[in-house]
C-alpha atoms as a PDB file:
ATOM      1  CA  UNK A   1      38.679 -80.757 -52.794  1.00  0.00           C
ATOM      2  CA  UNK A   2      41.741 -82.730 -51.791  1.00  0.00           C
ATOM      3  CA  UNK A   3      44.032 -81.489 -49.092  1.00  0.00           C
ATOM      4  CA  UNK A   4      47.640 -81.166 -50.168  1.00  0.00           C
ATOM      5  CA  UNK A   5      50.550 -81.952 -47.938  1.00  0.00           C
ATOM      6  CA  UNK A   6      52.711 -79.083 -46.818  1.00  0.00           C
ATOM      7  CA  UNK A   7      55.710 -80.794 -48.438  1.00  0.00           C
ATOM      8  CA  UNK A   8      54.080 -80.424 -51.866  1.00  0.00           C
ATOM      9  CA  UNK A   9      54.117 -76.648 -51.498  1.00  0.00           C
ATOM     10  CA  UNK A  10      57.698 -76.682 -50.233  1.00  0.00           C
ATOM     11  CA  UNK A  11      58.995 -78.722 -53.180  1.00  0.00           C
ATOM     12  CA  UNK A  12      57.316 -76.448 -55.718  1.00  0.00           C
ATOM     13  CA  UNK A  13      58.604 -73.372 -53.895  1.00  0.00           C
ATOM     14  CA  UNK A  14      62.112 -74.759 -53.816  1.00  0.00           C
ATOM     15  CA  UNK A  15      61.998 -75.405 -57.578  1.00  0.00           C
ATOM     16  CA  UNK A  16      60.882 -71.817 -58.190  1.00  0.00           C
ATOM     17  CA  UNK A  17      63.554 -70.366 -55.897  1.00  0.00           C
ATOM     18  CA  UNK A  18      66.382 -72.456 -57.359  1.00  0.00           C
ATOM     19  CA  UNK A  19      65.504 -71.658 -60.975  1.00  0.00           C
ATOM     20  CA  UNK A  20      65.025 -67.975 -60.164  1.00  0.00           C
ATOM     21  CA  UNK A  21      68.414 -67.812 -58.451  1.00  0.00           C
ATOM     22  CA  UNK A  22      70.055 -69.463 -61.461  1.00  0.00           C
ATOM     23  CA  UNK A  23      68.276 -66.891 -63.639  1.00  0.00           C
ATOM     24  CA  UNK A  24      69.642 -64.038 -61.530  1.00  0.00           C
ATOM     25  CA  UNK A  25      73.171 -65.412 -61.783  1.00  0.00           C
ATOM     26  CA  UNK A  26      72.857 -65.824 -65.554  1.00  0.00           C
ATOM     27  CA  UNK A  27      71.424 -62.322 -65.794  1.00  0.00           C
ATOM     28  CA  UNK A  28      74.342 -60.888 -63.874  1.00  0.00           C
ATOM     29  CA  UNK A  29      76.783 -62.660 -66.160  1.00  0.00           C
ATOM     30  CA  UNK A  30      74.935 -61.702 -69.351  1.00  0.00           C
ATOM     31  CA  UNK A  31      74.192 -58.082 -68.317  1.00  0.00           C
ATOM     32  CA  UNK A  32      70.384 -58.478 -68.342  1.00  0.00           C
ATOM     33  CA  UNK A  33      69.180 -59.383 -64.851  1.00  0.00           C
ATOM     34  CA  UNK A  34      65.470 -58.629 -65.260  1.00  0.00           C
ATOM     35  CA  UNK A  35      65.004 -60.748 -68.375  1.00  0.00           C
ATOM     36  CA  UNK A  36      66.768 -63.742 -66.873  1.00  0.00           C
ATOM     37  CA  UNK A  37      64.927 -63.275 -63.576  1.00  0.00           C
ATOM     38  CA  UNK A  38      61.608 -63.685 -65.383  1.00  0.00           C
ATOM     39  CA  UNK A  39      62.896 -66.589 -67.460  1.00  0.00           C
ATOM     40  CA  UNK A  40      64.199 -68.355 -64.347  1.00  0.00           C
ATOM     41  CA  UNK A  41      60.959 -67.816 -62.436  1.00  0.00           C
ATOM     42  CA  UNK A  42      58.906 -69.088 -65.373  1.00  0.00           C
ATOM     43  CA  UNK A  43      61.036 -72.193 -65.726  1.00  0.00           C
ATOM     44  CA  UNK A  44      60.785 -72.755 -61.974  1.00  0.00           C
ATOM     45  CA  UNK A  45      56.993 -72.628 -62.039  1.00  0.00           C
ATOM     46  CA  UNK A  46      56.796 -75.062 -64.946  1.00  0.00           C
ATOM     47  CA  UNK A  47      59.392 -77.373 -63.429  1.00  0.00           C
ATOM     48  CA  UNK A  48      57.650 -77.328 -60.049  1.00  0.00           C
ATOM     49  CA  UNK A  49      54.285 -78.133 -61.645  1.00  0.00           C
ATOM     50  CA  UNK A  50      55.748 -80.990 -63.676  1.00  0.00           C
ATOM     51  CA  UNK A  51      57.425 -82.404 -60.574  1.00  0.00           C
ATOM     52  CA  UNK A  52      54.117 -82.305 -58.705  1.00  0.00           C
ATOM     53  CA  UNK A  53      52.335 -84.149 -61.512  1.00  0.00           C
ATOM     54  CA  UNK A  54      55.072 -86.787 -61.705  1.00  0.00           C
ATOM     55  CA  UNK A  55      55.096 -87.204 -57.910  1.00  0.00           C
ATOM     56  CA  UNK A  56      51.401 -88.147 -57.887  1.00  0.00           C
END
């Protein structure tokens, strides 16, 4: 098993946090916070995973 750098976890976490925060803002504007929170978190996870694959 390969050891991952700590920065890899930080960059994926930052992608999740940024997309989730955008989802919360969109949810507040569109009157459905929970739905957009889940959409933002899901997009953040996918985006973070794609960034990790591209980085390698």
